[in-house]
Each structure stands twice: as structure tokens, then as C-alpha cells.
């Protein structure tokens, strides 16, 4: 193994805000955006919510790009490119749930093998996600959330029970984002994923412009850390040696962006192995019809 010096400098935040309708996702995104830029004119909102972004025009002179149906990945990418050409510093995509709704609808309309048909849509969806991650600007994504349920056995019957809210997007998207806030109907935010450490294990709070300022300060910090560069064969061994999904996720998060990209298939394969019951062979595995299997 060889050690190399790495420095975090001028990072561009990729942030998610998820919550039900009326939780204040758009308003919160605008406040964070202003905290980051301190200039409303450098904020662009890609609005798929029927002009809802314009409801807060009293806050400042931010820019709005109204995106209408069809909400294909390609149209989202085109909208992002328009904002980049206009030299925006913060792009708010409100919301990215419509992109996944489009994918699900188009996939459901195809005949034939449902699992095989995903090969027509997964690359398109992944290009959209990469457009977000690779853009050299701060991007805030809002996600609609719905009540999630699990089936538990009671008195010999399967009874659905509420287990919190679930974002309407492909499962595993939170792995790609730096921070994810869940906002409740009372507008309280809680960090469900935080690689900055700014909000991790902190109580609920109301998002304001200071939230964006704190994020910007973190992005501008130049903190030197030592990172171990793991050889290819060794990384594969590390992946296969993981005995739990949590252990595998930790290895993934500690890998470089290049390693995450190059070994995505190995990470996904091992994750599926860990999630598969011991008494099932690969040929007996079932796949969800909506294609929302866990992926890194």
C-alpha cells in the first residue's frame, strides 16, 4: 500500500431534501442556496412542481427554469446544462422524484421481460445522476416522500405497519449525496446522512440561510488527510471479505470516487449476496417489479 496526501478544497455540495408535500422543501432549498451564495441572482431553480418555486419570489431575484412533462433524464440533464452555461453557482432541482416516476412509467409500459427491460433505463438514469455529481456547482435536490410500510405477522396474519417516510427515487440515491435532510410537516429537519459531520447526531432544527453558510465553510476548508491507496486485487479481496451490508457500505464510503466508479459492479454483487437468504440459490432470487433494488 502507498499513502498519498489528499486535500479537500472548494468542494461542491450535493444535497438532498426529502419530505412530504407541504413540508417546506422548496423554501428550505432556497434558504440554503442563499446561505451558500449570498447572491440570489446566482441561484437557479429547475422547477417541475408547476411553478411552485415562484411562490417565494419575495425572497429575492433568483432564476427559475420551468421544466414540463415529459420528465425524462435527458430533459433534466439539458436543464442542468442551461444553468451551467448561465454560470449559476447553486442549482436547485425541485424535484428529482418526477424523473424516477417517468422511468417507472416508461418501464411499466414495455412488454416482455421486466428485469431485462431495466437495461434500457438504468444507463439513462445513471447519466442523470452523474450529471448532478459531476457538475462543478452546488446542487440541492428535493425529493417527494411517501409513507413506507412493512408487513409484520400478527395473530397469523400479515399486517402492514408504518416505518417512516421513503423518498420517491431509486433506492440507494442517498449513497451518492453528501448530505440528506428529512423534513417533517412541521418544517423540522433531521440529517439522515451527513458526510460533513456538521449535522450528524444533532437534534431536529429549522433550516435557514445559516445552514447554507455552515455548509459553504465546510466546502472551503482545506483539511489534509492521509488516504490509503489500495491495489485492485486487494480492494476486491476487501469487498469479498465484508460480512455485513454496513461493513460493505463503510468500505464503499472510504473508497475514492474513481474506485467507487470502477468497482461499482463488485460492490453491488457483494451487496446482493449479503442480502440474499442463505437457503436461496441465485436462480431462485426474486427481483422487485419496480426496479428499486439497492445499489451503490
Foldseek 3Di string as FASTA:
>chain_A
DDKDKDWQALDAAEEEEEEAPQLCQLVLLQQLLCLQVVAQCLEEEADAPVCPNVVVCVVDPHHYHDDYPPPELVSLLVVLVVSVVVVRQEYEYEACLSHLVNLLVVLVVDDDDSVVSCVVPPVSVVVSLVSSLVDSHHYYHYFYKDWDWDWDDDPNDTDIDTDDIDTNDFPASVLSGQWYWYGYNVQWTATPHHNLPPRPPHDTDHRGSVNNNVVNVSSRDIDMDMADDDDPVRLLVCLLPDQALVSLSVSLSSDDPVCCVVCQVSSFVSHVVNPDDPPDDPVPDDDDSSRRDHGD
